[in-house]
PDB file of N, CA and C in Angstrom:
ATOM      1  N   MET A   1       0.852  -1.167   0.000  1.00  0.00           N
ATOM      2  CA  MET A   1       0.000   0.000   0.000  1.00  0.00           C
ATOM      3  C   MET A   1       0.901   1.235   0.000  1.00  0.00           C
ATOM      4  N   THR A   2       0.652   2.137  -0.907  1.00  0.00           N
ATOM      5  CA  THR A   2       1.467   3.347  -0.971  1.00  0.00           C
ATOM      6  C   THR A   2       0.978   4.372   0.039  1.00  0.00           C
ATOM      7  N   LEU A   3       1.788   5.396   0.252  1.00  0.00           N
ATOM      8  CA  LEU A   3       1.431   6.455   1.190  1.00  0.00           C
ATOM      9  C   LEU A   3       0.133   7.133   0.768  1.00  0.00           C
ATOM     10  N   LEU A   4      -0.059   7.319  -0.537  1.00  0.00           N
ATOM     11  CA  LEU A   4      -1.289   7.927  -1.052  1.00  0.00           C
ATOM     12  C   LEU A   4      -2.491   7.040  -0.733  1.00  0.00           C
ATOM     13  N   ASP A   5      -2.337   5.724  -0.894  1.00  0.00           N
ATOM     14  CA  ASP A   5      -3.418   4.799  -0.565  1.00  0.00           C
ATOM     15  C   ASP A   5      -3.760   4.848   0.926  1.00  0.00           C
ATOM     16  N   VAL A   6      -2.751   4.923   1.767  1.00  0.00           N
ATOM     17  CA  VAL A   6      -2.967   4.989   3.210  1.00  0.00           C
ATOM     18  C   VAL A   6      -3.703   6.270   3.567  1.00  0.00           C
ATOM     19  N   ARG A   7      -3.278   7.382   2.988  1.00  0.00           N
ATOM     20  CA  ARG A   7      -3.942   8.656   3.257  1.00  0.00           C
ATOM     21  C   ARG A   7      -5.400   8.621   2.801  1.00  0.00           C
ATOM     22  N   ALA A   8      -5.651   8.026   1.649  1.00  0.00           N
ATOM     23  CA  ALA A   8      -7.016   7.929   1.144  1.00  0.00           C
ATOM     24  C   ALA A   8      -7.859   7.049   2.068  1.00  0.00           C
ATOM     25  N   ALA A   9      -7.303   5.948   2.527  1.00  0.00           N
ATOM     26  CA  ALA A   9      -8.025   5.048   3.436  1.00  0.00           C
ATOM     27  C   ALA A   9      -8.331   5.741   4.758  1.00  0.00           C
ATOM     28  N   VAL A  10      -7.384   6.506   5.280  1.00  0.00           N
ATOM     29  CA  VAL A  10      -7.591   7.239   6.526  1.00  0.00           C
ATOM     30  C   VAL A  10      -8.679   8.299   6.338  1.00  0.00           C
ATOM     31  N   ALA A  11      -8.678   8.967   5.198  1.00  0.00           N
ATOM     32  CA  ALA A  11      -9.695   9.985   4.923  1.00  0.00           C
ATOM     33  C   ALA A  11     -11.089   9.370   4.826  1.00  0.00           C
ATOM     34  N   VAL A  12     -11.198   8.230   4.166  1.00  0.00           N
ATOM     35  CA  VAL A  12     -12.483   7.547   4.051  1.00  0.00           C
ATOM     36  C   VAL A  12     -12.961   7.078   5.430  1.00  0.00           C
ATOM     37  N   ALA A  13     -12.073   6.510   6.211  1.00  0.00           N
ATOM     38  CA  ALA A  13     -12.435   6.044   7.554  1.00  0.00           C
ATOM     39  C   ALA A  13     -12.912   7.212   8.419  1.00  0.00           C
ATOM     40  N   ALA A  14     -12.237   8.338   8.347  1.00  0.00           N
ATOM     41  CA  ALA A  14     -12.627   9.511   9.133  1.00  0.00           C
ATOM     42  C   ALA A  14     -14.000  10.016   8.710  1.00  0.00           C
ATOM     43  N   GLU A  15     -14.248  10.016   7.418  1.00  0.00           N
ATOM     44  CA  GLU A  15     -15.557  10.468   6.917  1.00  0.00           C
ATOM     45  C   GLU A  15     -16.676   9.531   7.369  1.00  0.00           C
ATOM     46  N   LEU A  16     -16.439   8.241   7.273  1.00  0.00           N
ATOM     47  CA  LEU A  16     -17.458   7.281   7.691  1.00  0.00           C
ATOM     48  C   LEU A  16     -17.704   7.328   9.200  1.00  0.00           C
ATOM     49  N   ASN A  17     -16.660   7.459   9.975  1.00  0.00           N
ATOM     50  CA  ASN A  17     -16.800   7.488  11.430  1.00  0.00           C
ATOM     51  C   ASN A  17     -17.437   8.780  11.927  1.00  0.00           C
ATOM     52  N   ALA A  18     -17.422   9.829  11.123  1.00  0.00           N
ATOM     53  CA  ALA A  18     -17.997  11.107  11.527  1.00  0.00           C
ATOM     54  C   ALA A  18     -19.476  11.221  11.166  1.00  0.00           C
ATOM     55  N   ARG A  19     -20.015  10.224  10.470  1.00  0.00           N
ATOM     56  CA  ARG A  19     -21.427  10.270  10.066  1.00  0.00           C
ATOM     57  C   ARG A  19     -22.340   9.870  11.215  1.00  0.00           C
ATOM     58  N   PRO A  20     -23.445  10.613  11.407  1.00  0.00           N
ATOM     59  CA  PRO A  20     -24.423  10.191  12.413  1.00  0.00           C
ATOM     60  C   PRO A  20     -25.071   8.875  11.983  1.00  0.00           C
ATOM     61  N   ARG A  21     -25.422   8.051  12.960  1.00  0.00           N
ATOM     62  CA  ARG A  21     -26.001   6.735  12.653  1.00  0.00           C
ATOM     63  C   ARG A  21     -27.367   6.597  13.303  1.00  0.00           C
ATOM     64  N   GLU A  22     -28.298   6.080  12.540  1.00  0.00           N
ATOM     65  CA  GLU A  22     -29.648   5.889  13.054  1.00  0.00           C
ATOM     66  C   GLU A  22     -29.648   4.965  14.265  1.00  0.00           C
ATOM     67  N   THR A  23     -28.825   3.929  14.222  1.00  0.00           N
ATOM     68  CA  THR A  23     -28.782   2.969  15.335  1.00  0.00           C
ATOM     69  C   THR A  23     -28.240   3.579  16.623  1.00  0.00           C
ATOM     70  N   LEU A  24     -27.590   4.729  16.513  1.00  0.00           N
ATOM     71  CA  LEU A  24     -27.061   5.417  17.694  1.00  0.00           C
ATOM     72  C   LEU A  24     -27.910   6.644  18.030  1.00  0.00           C
ATOM     73  N   GLY A  25     -29.148   6.659  17.576  1.00  0.00           N
ATOM     74  CA  GLY A  25     -30.011   7.807  17.844  1.00  0.00           C
ATOM     75  C   GLY A  25     -29.536   9.057  17.134  1.00  0.00           C
ATOM     76  N   TRP A  26     -28.975   8.892  15.948  1.00  0.00           N
ATOM     77  CA  TRP A  26     -28.439   9.961  15.103  1.00  0.00           C
ATOM     78  C   TRP A  26     -27.258  10.681  15.724  1.00  0.00           C
ATOM     79  N   GLU A  27     -26.555  10.004  16.624  1.00  0.00           N
ATOM     80  CA  GLU A  27     -25.286  10.513  17.125  1.00  0.00           C
ATOM     81  C   GLU A  27     -24.170   9.929  16.278  1.00  0.00           C
ATOM     82  N   THR A  28     -23.028  10.600  16.310  1.00  0.00           N
ATOM     83  CA  THR A  28     -21.861  10.019  15.660  1.00  0.00           C
ATOM     84  C   THR A  28     -21.245   9.004  16.618  1.00  0.00           C
ATOM     85  N   LEU A  29     -20.390   8.164  16.104  1.00  0.00           N
ATOM     86  CA  LEU A  29     -19.721   7.179  16.952  1.00  0.00           C
ATOM     87  C   LEU A  29     -18.899   7.884  18.036  1.00  0.00           C
ATOM     88  N   ALA A  30     -18.235   8.968  17.675  1.00  0.00           N
ATOM     89  CA  ALA A  30     -17.425   9.710  18.653  1.00  0.00           C
ATOM     90  C   ALA A  30     -18.300  10.279  19.767  1.00  0.00           C
ATOM     91  N   GLU A  31     -19.478  10.795  19.408  1.00  0.00           N
ATOM     92  CA  GLU A  31     -20.378  11.338  20.431  1.00  0.00           C
ATOM     93  C   GLU A  31     -20.820  10.246  21.395  1.00  0.00           C
ATOM     94  N   ARG A  32     -21.165   9.084  20.857  1.00  0.00           N
ATOM     95  CA  ARG A  32     -21.630   8.002  21.722  1.00  0.00           C
ATOM     96  C   ARG A  32     -20.487   7.476  22.591  1.00  0.00           C
ATOM     97  N   LEU A  33     -19.307   7.322  21.996  1.00  0.00           N
ATOM     98  CA  LEU A  33     -18.168   6.807  22.752  1.00  0.00           C
ATOM     99  C   LEU A  33     -17.708   7.786  23.829  1.00  0.00           C
ATOM    100  N   SER A  34     -17.930   9.077  23.602  1.00  0.00           N
ATOM    101  CA  SER A  34     -17.502  10.068  24.594  1.00  0.00           C
ATOM    102  C   SER A  34     -18.293   9.948  25.885  1.00  0.00           C
ATOM    103  N   THR A  35     -19.442   9.292  25.847  1.00  0.00           N
ATOM    104  CA  THR A  35     -20.235   9.110  27.065  1.00  0.00           C
ATOM    105  C   THR A  35     -19.789   7.877  27.849  1.00  0.00           C
ATOM    106  N   LEU A  36     -19.045   6.987  27.256  1.00  0.00           N
ATOM    107  CA  LEU A  36     -18.677   5.745  27.915  1.00  0.00           C
ATOM    108  C   LEU A  36     -17.648   5.877  29.039  1.00  0.00           C
ATOM    109  N   PRO A  37     -16.596   6.659  28.909  1.00  0.00           N
ATOM    110  CA  PRO A  37     -15.613   6.706  29.991  1.00  0.00           C
ATOM    111  C   PRO A  37     -16.200   7.127  31.334  1.00  0.00           C
ATOM    112  N   ALA A  38     -17.130   8.063  31.362  1.00  0.00           N
ATOM    113  CA  ALA A  38     -17.736   8.478  32.629  1.00  0.00           C
ATOM    114  C   ALA A  38     -18.447   7.295  33.271  1.00  0.00           C
ATOM    115  N   THR A  39     -19.166   6.527  32.494  1.00  0.00           N
ATOM    116  CA  THR A  39     -19.857   5.352  33.011  1.00  0.00           C
ATOM    117  C   THR A  39     -18.849   4.306  33.464  1.00  0.00           C
ATOM    118  N   SER A  40     -17.829   4.071  32.666  1.00  0.00           N
ATOM    119  CA  SER A  40     -16.826   3.066  33.004  1.00  0.00           C
ATOM    120  C   SER A  40     -16.068   3.444  34.267  1.00  0.00           C
ATOM    121  N   ASN A  41     -15.734   4.730  34.398  1.00  0.00           N
ATOM    122  CA  ASN A  41     -14.999   5.170  35.581  1.00  0.00           C
ATOM    123  C   ASN A  41     -15.840   4.993  36.834  1.00  0.00           C
ATOM    124  N   GLN A  42     -17.123   5.259  36.767  1.00  0.00           N
ATOM    125  CA  GLN A  42     -17.988   5.081  37.922  1.00  0.00           C
ATOM    126  C   GLN A  42     -18.001   3.624  38.338  1.00  0.00           C
ATOM    127  N   CYS A  43     -18.014   2.726  37.373  1.00  0.00           N
ATOM    128  CA  CYS A  43     -18.014   1.302  37.699  1.00  0.00           C
ATOM    129  C   CYS A  43     -16.700   0.897  38.361  1.00  0.00           C
ATOM    130  N   ARG A  44     -15.606   1.451  37.916  1.00  0.00           N
ATOM    131  CA  ARG A  44     -14.316   1.104  38.499  1.00  0.00           C
ATOM    132  C   ARG A  44     -14.191   1.671  39.906  1.00  0.00           C
ATOM    133  N   ILE A  45     -14.725   2.863  40.111  1.00  0.00           N
ATOM    134  CA  ILE A  45     -14.651   3.491  41.421  1.00  0.00           C
ATOM    135  C   ILE A  45     -15.501   2.709  42.419  1.00  0.00           C
ATOM    136  N   ARG A  46     -16.692   2.300  41.999  1.00  0.00           N
ATOM    137  CA  ARG A  46     -17.602   1.571  42.878  1.00  0.00           C
ATOM    138  C   ARG A  46     -17.517   0.084  42.543  1.00  0.00           C
ATOM    139  N   GLN A  47     -16.423  -0.533  42.826  1.00  0.00           N
ATOM    140  CA  GLN A  47     -16.190  -1.925  42.434  1.00  0.00           C
ATOM    141  C   GLN A  47     -17.187  -2.880  43.064  1.00  0.00           C
ATOM    142  N   ARG A  48     -17.734  -2.540  44.193  1.00  0.00           N
ATOM    143  CA  ARG A  48     -18.644  -3.459  44.859  1.00  0.00           C
ATOM    144  C   ARG A  48     -20.036  -3.434  44.267  1.00  0.00           C
ATOM    145  N   SER A  49     -20.405  -2.360  43.586  1.00  0.00           N
ATOM    146  CA  SER A  49     -21.755  -2.310  43.012  1.00  0.00           C
ATOM    147  C   SER A  49     -21.722  -2.797  41.571  1.00  0.00           C
ATOM    148  N   PRO A  50     -22.709  -3.553  41.156  1.00  0.00           N
ATOM    149  CA  PRO A  50     -22.734  -4.058  39.780  1.00  0.00           C
ATOM    150  C   PRO A  50     -23.008  -2.928  38.792  1.00  0.00           C
ATOM    151  N   CYS A  51     -22.399  -3.025  37.629  1.00  0.00           N
ATOM    152  CA  CYS A  51     -22.608  -2.028  36.579  1.00  0.00           C
ATOM    153  C   CYS A  51     -23.111  -2.710  35.326  1.00  0.00           C
TER     154      CYS A  51
END
């Protein structure tokens, strides 16, 4: 794969990942994933409670 091919693949991936998705309530993947660390951290902090 040439450098141009890699750049094109990265550009396509970025465009696809930035699209809102119906299955995510019209959020982008980044928007949905940005909500996960807060939830995950709470679970780690409260190890005794189920998450």
